[in-house]
């Protein structure tokens, strides 16, 4: 089961619901943790989260949309830490020095993505189900939770950065022929409907669903 991750219940949601858009008061109603923050500090925190799912987007917005605490301001995607852009028609995501290099939670399932940016080294939670991905970037060493069902993957990144910290992997309905040794710390693996003929010895203590010898 996917770890709970609802941007609608984060700081941004409560601020919009309980606080005046002009004065951002009273923060103590939200959480005592925020009662001592200045307006600029609250906006800085909100600016790191972006929820734009289900909007038929073909590209991510340049400015924070209506309803966001920072609406109208230009988005610096290199500072975004949590992004939910699922249920759109995106074919790419920001990469390079202005990309998602600090994104810790990326929710991008149900798009038209054929690749992911190679700047996701800080990403801990990645849900990229139901896309057209043929490979994943080799920078996912910090990823703990990976959902990549219903893509066109034939292999996973291996090597030093690989998937060494992945604890839960869902890779059903792909074209995988093997799994990497870097998955040695994986505790839950779901791999139905692939072309696997064997499972690495490093996964002997892993709860596996979908592989039949």
N, C-alpha and C. Protein backbone atom coordinates (compact mmCIF):
# COMPACT_ATOMS: atom_id res chain seq x y z
N UNK A 1 0.83 -1.19 0.00
CA UNK A 1 0.00 0.00 0.00
C UNK A 1 0.86 1.24 0.00
N UNK A 2 0.48 2.22 -0.79
CA UNK A 2 1.28 3.43 -0.87
C UNK A 2 1.22 4.22 0.43
N UNK A 3 2.37 4.77 0.81
CA UNK A 3 2.42 5.62 1.98
C UNK A 3 1.53 6.83 1.78
N UNK A 4 0.84 7.23 2.84
CA UNK A 4 -0.07 8.38 2.73
C UNK A 4 0.69 9.62 2.28
N UNK A 5 0.21 10.23 1.22
CA UNK A 5 0.87 11.44 0.70
C UNK A 5 -0.18 12.29 0.02
N UNK A 6 -0.82 13.19 0.81
CA UNK A 6 -1.86 14.04 0.26
C UNK A 6 -1.46 15.50 0.46
N UNK A 7 -1.04 16.13 -0.62
CA UNK A 7 -0.66 17.52 -0.51
C UNK A 7 -1.81 18.37 -0.01
N UNK A 8 -3.05 17.97 -0.27
CA UNK A 8 -4.20 18.73 0.16
C UNK A 8 -4.32 18.85 1.66
N UNK A 9 -3.62 18.00 2.42
CA UNK A 9 -3.71 18.07 3.88
C UNK A 9 -2.46 18.70 4.49
N UNK A 10 -1.60 19.28 3.69
CA UNK A 10 -0.38 19.86 4.23
C UNK A 10 -0.62 21.31 4.67
N UNK A 11 0.46 21.99 4.99
CA UNK A 11 0.40 23.36 5.48
C UNK A 11 -0.37 24.27 4.54
N UNK A 12 -0.11 24.13 3.25
CA UNK A 12 -0.77 25.00 2.26
C UNK A 12 -2.29 24.90 2.36
N UNK A 13 -2.80 23.68 2.48
CA UNK A 13 -4.24 23.46 2.55
C UNK A 13 -4.85 24.18 3.76
N UNK A 14 -4.24 23.99 4.93
CA UNK A 14 -4.80 24.59 6.13
C UNK A 14 -4.71 26.11 6.13
N UNK A 15 -3.63 26.61 5.58
CA UNK A 15 -3.51 28.06 5.50
C UNK A 15 -4.61 28.64 4.63
N UNK A 16 -4.86 28.01 3.50
CA UNK A 16 -5.89 28.50 2.59
C UNK A 16 -7.28 28.38 3.21
N UNK A 17 -7.47 27.36 4.06
CA UNK A 17 -8.79 27.14 4.62
C UNK A 17 -9.07 28.03 5.83
N UNK A 18 -8.06 28.21 6.70
CA UNK A 18 -8.29 28.89 7.95
C UNK A 18 -7.78 30.33 8.01
N UNK A 19 -6.87 30.69 7.11
CA UNK A 19 -6.23 31.99 7.22
C UNK A 19 -6.63 32.92 6.09
N UNK A 20 -6.70 34.19 6.41
CA UNK A 20 -6.96 35.19 5.40
C UNK A 20 -5.83 35.20 4.39
N UNK A 21 -6.16 35.30 3.11
CA UNK A 21 -5.15 35.31 2.07
C UNK A 21 -4.24 36.53 2.19
N UNK A 22 -4.76 37.60 2.77
CA UNK A 22 -3.97 38.83 2.90
C UNK A 22 -3.13 38.85 4.17
N UNK A 23 -3.69 38.38 5.26
CA UNK A 23 -2.99 38.52 6.55
C UNK A 23 -2.41 37.24 7.09
N UNK A 24 -2.84 36.07 6.55
CA UNK A 24 -2.36 34.77 7.01
C UNK A 24 -2.49 34.62 8.53
N UNK A 25 -3.65 34.87 9.06
CA UNK A 25 -3.88 34.76 10.49
C UNK A 25 -5.01 33.78 10.75
N UNK A 26 -5.19 33.24 11.95
CA UNK A 26 -4.13 33.11 12.97
C UNK A 26 -3.45 31.76 12.80
N UNK A 27 -2.18 31.72 12.66
CA UNK A 27 -1.47 30.48 12.39
C UNK A 27 -1.60 29.47 13.52
N UNK A 28 -1.85 29.93 14.73
CA UNK A 28 -1.95 29.01 15.85
C UNK A 28 -3.11 28.04 15.68
N UNK A 29 -4.11 28.40 14.87
CA UNK A 29 -5.22 27.50 14.61
C UNK A 29 -4.78 26.31 13.77
N UNK A 30 -3.75 26.48 13.02
CA UNK A 30 -3.24 25.42 12.16
C UNK A 30 -2.42 24.43 12.98
N UNK A 31 -1.38 24.93 13.59
CA UNK A 31 -0.47 24.09 14.33
C UNK A 31 0.45 25.00 15.14
N UNK A 32 0.69 24.64 16.38
CA UNK A 32 1.56 25.46 17.23
C UNK A 32 2.95 25.62 16.62
N UNK A 33 3.34 24.65 15.82
CA UNK A 33 4.67 24.71 15.18
C UNK A 33 4.80 25.94 14.30
N UNK A 34 3.68 26.41 13.71
CA UNK A 34 3.71 27.51 12.77
C UNK A 34 3.38 28.86 13.41
N UNK A 35 3.02 28.86 14.69
CA UNK A 35 2.53 30.09 15.31
C UNK A 35 3.60 31.16 15.41
N UNK A 36 4.87 30.78 15.39
CA UNK A 36 5.94 31.75 15.52
C UNK A 36 6.55 32.15 14.17
N UNK A 37 6.00 31.61 13.08
CA UNK A 37 6.56 31.91 11.76
C UNK A 37 6.05 33.24 11.23
N UNK A 38 6.91 33.92 10.51
CA UNK A 38 6.50 35.15 9.84
C UNK A 38 5.77 34.80 8.55
N UNK A 39 5.09 35.77 7.95
CA UNK A 39 4.37 35.55 6.70
C UNK A 39 5.32 35.05 5.63
N UNK A 40 6.50 35.65 5.54
CA UNK A 40 7.46 35.24 4.51
C UNK A 40 7.94 33.81 4.72
N UNK A 41 8.07 33.41 5.99
CA UNK A 41 8.50 32.04 6.27
C UNK A 41 7.41 31.03 5.91
N UNK A 42 6.16 31.40 6.17
CA UNK A 42 5.05 30.53 5.81
C UNK A 42 4.97 30.37 4.30
N UNK A 43 5.11 31.46 3.57
CA UNK A 43 5.06 31.40 2.11
C UNK A 43 6.23 30.61 1.55
N UNK A 44 7.38 30.72 2.20
CA UNK A 44 8.55 29.97 1.76
C UNK A 44 8.30 28.47 1.87
N UNK A 45 7.66 28.06 2.97
CA UNK A 45 7.34 26.64 3.13
C UNK A 45 6.32 26.19 2.10
N UNK A 46 5.31 27.02 1.90
CA UNK A 46 4.26 26.66 0.93
C UNK A 46 4.81 26.58 -0.49
N UNK A 47 5.82 27.40 -0.80
CA UNK A 47 6.36 27.44 -2.15
C UNK A 47 7.07 26.15 -2.54
N UNK A 48 7.39 25.30 -1.56
CA UNK A 48 8.10 24.06 -1.83
C UNK A 48 7.17 22.91 -2.19
N UNK A 49 5.85 23.19 -2.15
CA UNK A 49 4.86 22.16 -2.45
C UNK A 49 3.98 22.63 -3.59
N UNK A 50 3.74 21.73 -4.53
CA UNK A 50 2.92 22.09 -5.69
C UNK A 50 2.01 20.93 -6.05
N UNK A 51 0.72 21.22 -6.12
CA UNK A 51 -0.27 20.21 -6.46
C UNK A 51 -1.03 20.66 -7.70
N UNK A 52 -0.79 19.98 -8.81
CA UNK A 52 -1.43 20.34 -10.08
C UNK A 52 -1.93 19.09 -10.80
N UNK A 53 -2.54 18.19 -10.06
CA UNK A 53 -3.00 16.93 -10.67
C UNK A 53 -4.36 17.12 -11.35
N UNK A 54 -4.59 16.31 -12.37
CA UNK A 54 -5.89 16.27 -13.03
C UNK A 54 -6.31 17.55 -13.71
N UNK A 55 -5.38 18.23 -14.36
CA UNK A 55 -5.70 19.51 -15.01
C UNK A 55 -5.45 19.49 -16.52
N UNK A 56 -5.24 18.32 -17.09
CA UNK A 56 -5.01 18.18 -18.53
C UNK A 56 -3.81 18.98 -19.02
N UNK A 57 -2.80 19.08 -18.19
CA UNK A 57 -1.62 19.86 -18.54
C UNK A 57 -0.73 19.09 -19.52
N UNK A 58 -0.16 19.79 -20.48
CA UNK A 58 0.84 19.21 -21.37
C UNK A 58 2.25 19.66 -20.96
N UNK A 59 2.32 20.66 -20.09
CA UNK A 59 3.58 21.08 -19.48
C UNK A 59 3.27 21.69 -18.12
N UNK A 60 4.25 21.67 -17.23
CA UNK A 60 4.04 22.22 -15.90
C UNK A 60 3.93 23.74 -15.96
N UNK A 61 3.15 24.34 -15.05
CA UNK A 61 2.96 25.79 -15.09
C UNK A 61 4.23 26.57 -14.74
N UNK A 62 4.32 27.77 -15.28
CA UNK A 62 5.45 28.65 -14.97
C UNK A 62 5.21 29.40 -13.67
N UNK A 63 3.93 29.62 -13.36
CA UNK A 63 3.57 30.39 -12.16
C UNK A 63 2.68 29.54 -11.25
N UNK A 64 2.72 29.82 -9.94
CA UNK A 64 1.83 29.13 -9.01
C UNK A 64 0.38 29.42 -9.38
N UNK A 65 -0.44 28.39 -9.43
CA UNK A 65 -1.83 28.56 -9.90
C UNK A 65 -2.73 29.20 -8.85
N UNK A 66 -3.91 29.57 -9.29
CA UNK A 66 -4.93 30.10 -8.41
C UNK A 66 -5.26 29.08 -7.33
N UNK A 67 -5.36 29.54 -6.09
CA UNK A 67 -5.62 28.63 -4.99
C UNK A 67 -4.38 28.30 -4.19
N UNK A 68 -3.20 28.54 -4.76
CA UNK A 68 -1.95 28.34 -4.03
C UNK A 68 -1.61 29.61 -3.29
N UNK A 69 -0.99 29.45 -2.12
CA UNK A 69 -0.62 30.60 -1.30
C UNK A 69 0.29 31.57 -2.04
N UNK A 70 1.07 31.06 -2.98
CA UNK A 70 2.01 31.89 -3.74
C UNK A 70 1.50 32.18 -5.15
N UNK A 71 0.19 32.18 -5.33
CA UNK A 71 -0.40 32.31 -6.67
C UNK A 71 0.14 33.53 -7.40
N UNK A 72 0.46 33.32 -8.68
CA UNK A 72 0.97 34.40 -9.52
C UNK A 72 2.47 34.56 -9.50
N UNK A 73 3.14 33.97 -8.52
CA UNK A 73 4.59 34.08 -8.44
C UNK A 73 5.23 32.99 -9.31
N UNK A 74 6.40 33.30 -9.85
CA UNK A 74 7.08 32.33 -10.70
C UNK A 74 7.59 31.15 -9.87
N UNK A 75 7.44 29.95 -10.42
CA UNK A 75 7.86 28.74 -9.72
C UNK A 75 9.32 28.44 -10.00
N UNK A 76 10.09 28.24 -8.95
CA UNK A 76 11.47 27.77 -9.09
C UNK A 76 11.46 26.28 -8.80
N UNK A 77 11.45 25.46 -9.86
CA UNK A 77 11.30 24.02 -9.68
C UNK A 77 12.50 23.40 -8.97
N UNK A 78 13.61 24.07 -8.93
CA UNK A 78 14.77 23.52 -8.22
C UNK A 78 14.57 23.57 -6.71
N UNK A 79 13.55 24.31 -6.24
CA UNK A 79 13.26 24.40 -4.81
C UNK A 79 12.04 23.58 -4.41
N UNK A 80 11.35 23.01 -5.37
CA UNK A 80 10.18 22.20 -5.07
C UNK A 80 10.59 20.89 -4.39
N UNK A 81 9.96 20.59 -3.25
CA UNK A 81 10.27 19.37 -2.52
C UNK A 81 9.18 18.32 -2.65
N UNK A 82 7.95 18.75 -2.92
CA UNK A 82 6.84 17.82 -3.09
C UNK A 82 6.02 18.26 -4.29
N UNK A 83 5.89 17.37 -5.26
CA UNK A 83 5.16 17.69 -6.49
C UNK A 83 4.20 16.57 -6.83
N UNK A 84 2.93 16.93 -6.98
CA UNK A 84 1.94 15.98 -7.48
C UNK A 84 1.40 16.53 -8.80
N UNK A 85 1.80 15.91 -9.90
CA UNK A 85 1.36 16.33 -11.23
C UNK A 85 0.70 15.16 -11.96
N UNK A 86 0.10 14.27 -11.20
CA UNK A 86 -0.53 13.08 -11.77
C UNK A 86 -1.78 13.45 -12.57
N UNK A 87 -2.24 12.47 -13.39
CA UNK A 87 -3.46 12.63 -14.18
C UNK A 87 -3.41 13.85 -15.10
N UNK A 88 -2.34 13.97 -15.84
CA UNK A 88 -2.21 15.02 -16.84
C UNK A 88 -1.76 14.38 -18.15
N UNK A 89 -1.25 15.21 -19.06
CA UNK A 89 -0.74 14.72 -20.34
C UNK A 89 0.70 15.19 -20.54
N UNK A 90 1.47 15.19 -19.46
CA UNK A 90 2.85 15.65 -19.50
C UNK A 90 3.73 14.65 -20.25
N UNK A 91 4.65 15.18 -21.07
CA UNK A 91 5.59 14.31 -21.77
C UNK A 91 7.01 14.45 -21.20
N UNK A 92 7.22 15.44 -20.33
CA UNK A 92 8.54 15.62 -19.71
C UNK A 92 8.40 16.41 -18.41
N UNK A 93 9.45 16.32 -17.58
CA UNK A 93 9.52 17.07 -16.33
C UNK A 93 10.81 17.86 -16.30
N UNK A 94 10.87 18.95 -15.53
CA UNK A 94 12.06 19.80 -15.51
C UNK A 94 13.32 19.06 -15.06
N UNK A 95 14.40 19.24 -15.81
CA UNK A 95 15.67 18.63 -15.48
C UNK A 95 16.77 19.67 -15.41
N UNK A 96 18.00 19.22 -15.22
CA UNK A 96 19.12 20.15 -15.18
C UNK A 96 19.15 20.98 -13.92
N UNK A 97 19.94 22.08 -13.92
CA UNK A 97 20.10 22.92 -12.72
C UNK A 97 18.83 23.61 -12.28
N UNK A 98 17.86 23.77 -13.17
CA UNK A 98 16.59 24.40 -12.80
C UNK A 98 15.48 23.36 -12.65
N UNK A 99 15.87 22.09 -12.55
CA UNK A 99 14.90 21.01 -12.49
C UNK A 99 14.52 20.62 -11.08
N UNK A 100 14.13 19.36 -10.91
CA UNK A 100 13.58 18.87 -9.64
C UNK A 100 14.66 18.27 -8.75
N UNK A 101 15.77 18.95 -8.64
CA UNK A 101 16.92 18.39 -7.93
C UNK A 101 16.72 18.26 -6.42
N UNK A 102 15.74 18.98 -5.85
CA UNK A 102 15.47 18.89 -4.42
C UNK A 102 14.13 18.24 -4.12
N UNK A 103 13.53 17.63 -5.12
CA UNK A 103 12.21 17.02 -4.95
C UNK A 103 12.35 15.70 -4.18
N UNK A 104 11.69 15.60 -3.04
CA UNK A 104 11.74 14.40 -2.21
C UNK A 104 10.56 13.46 -2.48
N UNK A 105 9.43 14.03 -2.90
CA UNK A 105 8.24 13.23 -3.20
C UNK A 105 7.71 13.66 -4.56
N UNK A 106 7.77 12.76 -5.51
CA UNK A 106 7.33 13.06 -6.87
C UNK A 106 6.22 12.10 -7.25
N UNK A 107 5.04 12.66 -7.50
CA UNK A 107 3.87 11.88 -7.88
C UNK A 107 3.52 12.28 -9.31
N UNK A 108 3.80 11.41 -10.26
CA UNK A 108 3.62 11.77 -11.67
C UNK A 108 2.97 10.66 -12.47
N UNK A 109 2.16 9.84 -11.80
CA UNK A 109 1.53 8.73 -12.52
C UNK A 109 0.44 9.24 -13.47
N UNK A 110 0.07 8.40 -14.41
CA UNK A 110 -0.96 8.71 -15.40
C UNK A 110 -0.65 9.97 -16.20
N UNK A 111 0.50 9.94 -16.86
CA UNK A 111 0.89 10.96 -17.82
C UNK A 111 1.37 10.27 -19.09
N UNK A 112 2.13 10.98 -19.91
CA UNK A 112 2.69 10.43 -21.15
C UNK A 112 4.21 10.49 -21.12
N UNK A 113 4.79 10.36 -19.96
CA UNK A 113 6.23 10.49 -19.80
C UNK A 113 6.98 9.31 -20.42
N UNK A 114 8.02 9.61 -21.17
CA UNK A 114 8.88 8.57 -21.74
C UNK A 114 10.21 8.47 -21.00
N UNK A 115 10.50 9.47 -20.17
CA UNK A 115 11.73 9.45 -19.36
C UNK A 115 11.53 10.37 -18.17
N UNK A 116 12.41 10.22 -17.18
CA UNK A 116 12.42 11.08 -16.00
C UNK A 116 13.74 11.82 -15.95
N UNK A 117 13.78 13.02 -15.37
CA UNK A 117 15.03 13.79 -15.32
C UNK A 117 16.09 13.09 -14.48
N UNK A 118 17.35 13.34 -14.81
CA UNK A 118 18.46 12.70 -14.11
C UNK A 118 18.93 13.49 -12.90
N UNK A 119 18.04 14.35 -12.36
CA UNK A 119 18.41 15.19 -11.21
C UNK A 119 17.61 14.79 -9.97
N UNK A 120 17.10 13.56 -9.92
CA UNK A 120 16.23 13.13 -8.83
C UNK A 120 16.99 12.45 -7.70
N UNK A 121 18.19 12.89 -7.44
CA UNK A 121 19.04 12.25 -6.45
C UNK A 121 18.53 12.35 -5.02
N UNK A 122 17.65 13.32 -4.73
CA UNK A 122 17.11 13.46 -3.38
C UNK A 122 15.73 12.84 -3.24
N UNK A 123 15.20 12.29 -4.32
CA UNK A 123 13.84 11.76 -4.31
C UNK A 123 13.76 10.51 -3.42
N UNK A 124 12.81 10.51 -2.48
CA UNK A 124 12.61 9.39 -1.57
C UNK A 124 11.36 8.59 -1.91
N UNK A 125 10.38 9.25 -2.49
CA UNK A 125 9.13 8.60 -2.87
C UNK A 125 8.83 8.96 -4.32
N UNK A 126 8.70 7.94 -5.16
CA UNK A 126 8.46 8.16 -6.59
C UNK A 126 7.33 7.26 -7.06
N UNK A 127 6.25 7.89 -7.51
CA UNK A 127 5.14 7.16 -8.10
C UNK A 127 5.03 7.58 -9.56
N UNK A 128 5.42 6.71 -10.44
CA UNK A 128 5.43 7.03 -11.87
C UNK A 128 4.68 5.97 -12.67
N UNK A 129 3.68 5.37 -12.07
CA UNK A 129 2.87 4.35 -12.75
C UNK A 129 2.20 4.91 -14.00
N UNK A 130 1.85 4.01 -14.89
CA UNK A 130 0.99 4.35 -16.04
C UNK A 130 1.55 5.49 -16.89
N UNK A 131 2.79 5.30 -17.32
CA UNK A 131 3.43 6.20 -18.26
C UNK A 131 3.98 5.37 -19.42
N UNK A 132 4.95 5.92 -20.13
CA UNK A 132 5.57 5.22 -21.26
C UNK A 132 7.07 5.06 -21.02
N UNK A 133 7.47 4.92 -19.78
CA UNK A 133 8.88 4.88 -19.41
C UNK A 133 9.54 3.59 -19.88
N UNK A 134 10.69 3.73 -20.52
CA UNK A 134 11.48 2.56 -20.93
C UNK A 134 12.69 2.35 -20.03
N UNK A 135 13.02 3.36 -19.23
CA UNK A 135 14.14 3.26 -18.29
C UNK A 135 13.93 4.27 -17.17
N UNK A 136 14.70 4.11 -16.10
CA UNK A 136 14.69 5.05 -14.99
C UNK A 136 16.09 5.65 -14.84
N UNK A 137 16.20 6.88 -14.33
CA UNK A 137 17.52 7.48 -14.16
C UNK A 137 18.34 6.72 -13.13
N UNK A 138 19.66 6.79 -13.23
CA UNK A 138 20.54 6.03 -12.33
C UNK A 138 20.88 6.79 -11.06
N UNK A 139 20.06 7.79 -10.72
CA UNK A 139 20.34 8.64 -9.55
C UNK A 139 19.34 8.40 -8.42
N UNK A 140 18.68 7.23 -8.40
CA UNK A 140 17.60 7.00 -7.43
C UNK A 140 18.08 6.26 -6.19
N UNK A 141 19.31 6.49 -5.79
CA UNK A 141 19.88 5.82 -4.63
C UNK A 141 19.19 6.13 -3.33
N UNK A 142 18.49 7.27 -3.25
CA UNK A 142 17.79 7.64 -2.02
C UNK A 142 16.32 7.27 -2.03
N UNK A 143 15.86 6.69 -3.12
CA UNK A 143 14.45 6.36 -3.25
C UNK A 143 14.09 5.18 -2.35
N UNK A 144 13.13 5.37 -1.45
CA UNK A 144 12.69 4.31 -0.54
C UNK A 144 11.45 3.58 -1.04
N UNK A 145 10.65 4.30 -1.81
CA UNK A 145 9.36 3.76 -2.25
C UNK A 145 9.18 4.07 -3.73
N UNK A 146 9.12 3.02 -4.55
CA UNK A 146 9.04 3.20 -6.00
C UNK A 146 7.87 2.42 -6.57
N UNK A 147 6.94 3.15 -7.18
CA UNK A 147 5.81 2.56 -7.88
C UNK A 147 5.97 2.87 -9.37
N UNK A 148 6.20 1.87 -10.16
CA UNK A 148 6.41 2.08 -11.59
C UNK A 148 5.65 1.05 -12.43
N UNK A 149 4.50 0.64 -11.94
CA UNK A 149 3.66 -0.31 -12.66
C UNK A 149 3.24 0.24 -14.02
N UNK A 150 2.97 -0.67 -14.95
CA UNK A 150 2.36 -0.30 -16.23
C UNK A 150 3.20 0.71 -17.02
N UNK A 151 4.45 0.36 -17.22
CA UNK A 151 5.35 1.12 -18.08
C UNK A 151 5.96 0.16 -19.10
N UNK A 152 7.11 0.53 -19.65
CA UNK A 152 7.78 -0.30 -20.64
C UNK A 152 9.22 -0.61 -20.22
N UNK A 153 9.41 -0.73 -18.94
CA UNK A 153 10.75 -0.93 -18.39
C UNK A 153 11.28 -2.33 -18.70
N UNK A 154 12.55 -2.38 -19.11
CA UNK A 154 13.20 -3.67 -19.35
C UNK A 154 14.27 -3.95 -18.29
N UNK A 155 14.68 -2.93 -17.56
CA UNK A 155 15.70 -3.11 -16.51
C UNK A 155 15.63 -1.94 -15.53
N UNK A 156 16.35 -2.10 -14.42
CA UNK A 156 16.45 -1.04 -13.41
C UNK A 156 17.90 -0.57 -13.34
N UNK A 157 18.11 0.67 -12.89
CA UNK A 157 19.50 1.15 -12.70
C UNK A 157 20.19 0.33 -11.62
N UNK A 158 21.46 0.02 -11.85
CA UNK A 158 22.25 -0.74 -10.89
C UNK A 158 23.49 0.08 -10.57
N UNK A 159 24.44 -0.52 -9.94
CA UNK A 159 25.67 0.20 -9.64
C UNK A 159 25.59 0.91 -8.31
N UNK A 160 26.56 1.80 -8.02
CA UNK A 160 26.68 2.43 -6.71
C UNK A 160 25.43 3.21 -6.29
N UNK A 161 24.79 3.88 -7.28
CA UNK A 161 23.64 4.71 -6.90
C UNK A 161 22.33 3.96 -7.06
N UNK A 162 22.23 3.05 -7.96
CA UNK A 162 21.10 2.14 -8.14
C UNK A 162 19.85 2.39 -7.34
N UNK A 163 19.34 1.33 -6.72
CA UNK A 163 18.15 1.40 -5.87
C UNK A 163 18.48 0.85 -4.48
N UNK A 164 19.63 1.24 -3.98
CA UNK A 164 20.17 0.63 -2.77
C UNK A 164 19.33 0.87 -1.52
N UNK A 165 18.54 1.95 -1.50
CA UNK A 165 17.73 2.25 -0.32
C UNK A 165 16.25 1.95 -0.52
N UNK A 166 15.92 1.32 -1.62
CA UNK A 166 14.52 1.03 -1.91
C UNK A 166 13.99 -0.04 -0.96
N UNK A 167 12.90 0.28 -0.27
CA UNK A 167 12.29 -0.68 0.67
C UNK A 167 11.04 -1.32 0.08
N UNK A 168 10.38 -0.61 -0.81
CA UNK A 168 9.15 -1.14 -1.41
C UNK A 168 9.15 -0.82 -2.89
N UNK A 169 8.99 -1.86 -3.71
CA UNK A 169 9.03 -1.70 -5.16
C UNK A 169 7.83 -2.39 -5.80
N UNK A 170 7.08 -1.62 -6.57
CA UNK A 170 5.96 -2.14 -7.35
C UNK A 170 6.31 -1.95 -8.83
N UNK A 171 6.52 -3.03 -9.54
CA UNK A 171 6.94 -2.94 -10.94
C UNK A 171 6.13 -3.88 -11.82
N UNK A 172 4.87 -4.06 -11.49
CA UNK A 172 4.00 -4.95 -12.25
C UNK A 172 3.80 -4.45 -13.68
N UNK A 173 3.57 -5.39 -14.58
CA UNK A 173 3.20 -5.07 -15.96
C UNK A 173 4.25 -4.23 -16.68
N UNK A 174 5.47 -4.76 -16.70
CA UNK A 174 6.56 -4.18 -17.47
C UNK A 174 7.18 -5.29 -18.31
N UNK A 175 8.43 -5.09 -18.76
CA UNK A 175 9.11 -6.08 -19.58
C UNK A 175 10.46 -6.45 -18.97
N UNK A 176 10.51 -6.48 -17.65
CA UNK A 176 11.75 -6.74 -16.93
C UNK A 176 12.20 -8.19 -17.12
N UNK A 177 13.49 -8.34 -17.38
CA UNK A 177 14.07 -9.69 -17.51
C UNK A 177 14.96 -10.04 -16.32
N UNK A 178 15.33 -9.03 -15.54
CA UNK A 178 16.18 -9.26 -14.36
C UNK A 178 15.98 -8.13 -13.36
N UNK A 179 16.44 -8.37 -12.13
CA UNK A 179 16.40 -7.37 -11.08
C UNK A 179 17.82 -7.13 -10.57
N UNK A 180 18.16 -5.89 -10.19
CA UNK A 180 19.54 -5.58 -9.81
C UNK A 180 19.90 -6.02 -8.38
N UNK A 181 21.18 -6.27 -8.17
CA UNK A 181 21.68 -6.62 -6.84
C UNK A 181 21.52 -5.47 -5.86
N UNK A 182 21.38 -4.26 -6.36
CA UNK A 182 21.26 -3.09 -5.48
C UNK A 182 19.95 -3.09 -4.69
N UNK A 183 19.04 -4.01 -5.00
CA UNK A 183 17.76 -4.10 -4.28
C UNK A 183 17.87 -4.89 -2.99
N UNK A 184 19.05 -5.08 -2.49
CA UNK A 184 19.27 -5.95 -1.34
C UNK A 184 18.51 -5.51 -0.09
N UNK A 185 18.13 -4.23 -0.01
CA UNK A 185 17.42 -3.74 1.17
C UNK A 185 15.91 -3.71 0.99
N UNK A 186 15.44 -4.22 -0.14
CA UNK A 186 14.01 -4.20 -0.43
C UNK A 186 13.26 -5.19 0.47
N UNK A 187 12.15 -4.73 1.04
CA UNK A 187 11.34 -5.57 1.94
C UNK A 187 10.06 -6.05 1.27
N UNK A 188 9.55 -5.30 0.30
CA UNK A 188 8.32 -5.68 -0.41
C UNK A 188 8.53 -5.49 -1.90
N UNK A 189 8.28 -6.55 -2.66
CA UNK A 189 8.46 -6.50 -4.11
C UNK A 189 7.24 -7.08 -4.80
N UNK A 190 6.65 -6.30 -5.70
CA UNK A 190 5.50 -6.74 -6.48
C UNK A 190 5.90 -6.69 -7.95
N UNK A 191 5.95 -7.84 -8.61
CA UNK A 191 6.52 -7.90 -9.95
C UNK A 191 5.69 -8.78 -10.89
N UNK A 192 4.38 -8.73 -10.78
CA UNK A 192 3.52 -9.51 -11.67
C UNK A 192 3.71 -9.09 -13.13
N UNK A 193 3.54 -10.05 -14.02
CA UNK A 193 3.50 -9.80 -15.47
C UNK A 193 4.76 -9.11 -15.98
N UNK A 194 5.88 -9.79 -15.81
CA UNK A 194 7.15 -9.38 -16.41
C UNK A 194 7.75 -10.59 -17.11
N UNK A 195 9.04 -10.49 -17.47
CA UNK A 195 9.72 -11.60 -18.14
C UNK A 195 10.86 -12.15 -17.27
N UNK A 196 10.65 -12.11 -15.97
CA UNK A 196 11.68 -12.55 -15.03
C UNK A 196 11.79 -14.08 -15.02
N UNK A 197 13.01 -14.57 -15.03
CA UNK A 197 13.24 -16.01 -14.94
C UNK A 197 13.90 -16.40 -13.62
N UNK A 198 14.39 -15.40 -12.89
CA UNK A 198 15.02 -15.67 -11.59
C UNK A 198 14.98 -14.41 -10.74
N UNK A 199 15.21 -14.62 -9.45
CA UNK A 199 15.26 -13.53 -8.48
C UNK A 199 16.63 -13.55 -7.82
N UNK A 200 17.32 -12.41 -7.68
CA UNK A 200 18.65 -12.39 -7.07
C UNK A 200 18.64 -12.93 -5.64
N UNK A 201 19.73 -13.55 -5.23
CA UNK A 201 19.85 -14.09 -3.88
C UNK A 201 19.71 -13.00 -2.82
N UNK A 202 20.05 -11.79 -3.17
CA UNK A 202 19.98 -10.69 -2.21
C UNK A 202 18.55 -10.40 -1.76
N UNK A 203 17.56 -10.96 -2.46
CA UNK A 203 16.15 -10.71 -2.13
C UNK A 203 15.52 -11.90 -1.40
N UNK A 204 16.33 -12.76 -0.84
CA UNK A 204 15.80 -13.96 -0.19
C UNK A 204 14.95 -13.64 1.04
N UNK A 205 15.18 -12.48 1.66
CA UNK A 205 14.39 -12.09 2.82
C UNK A 205 13.30 -11.09 2.48
N UNK A 206 13.08 -10.88 1.21
CA UNK A 206 12.10 -9.91 0.74
C UNK A 206 10.74 -10.60 0.54
N UNK A 207 9.68 -9.89 0.90
CA UNK A 207 8.33 -10.38 0.62
C UNK A 207 8.03 -10.13 -0.84
N UNK A 208 7.93 -11.22 -1.63
CA UNK A 208 7.79 -11.10 -3.08
C UNK A 208 6.41 -11.58 -3.53
N UNK A 209 5.78 -10.80 -4.37
CA UNK A 209 4.51 -11.17 -4.97
C UNK A 209 4.62 -11.04 -6.48
N UNK A 210 4.32 -12.11 -7.20
CA UNK A 210 4.28 -12.01 -8.65
C UNK A 210 5.27 -12.88 -9.39
N UNK A 211 6.27 -13.44 -8.68
CA UNK A 211 7.25 -14.29 -9.34
C UNK A 211 6.96 -15.75 -9.02
N UNK A 212 6.80 -16.55 -10.05
CA UNK A 212 6.51 -17.97 -9.87
C UNK A 212 7.60 -18.78 -10.54
N UNK A 213 8.27 -19.64 -9.81
CA UNK A 213 9.35 -20.46 -10.38
C UNK A 213 8.78 -21.60 -11.21
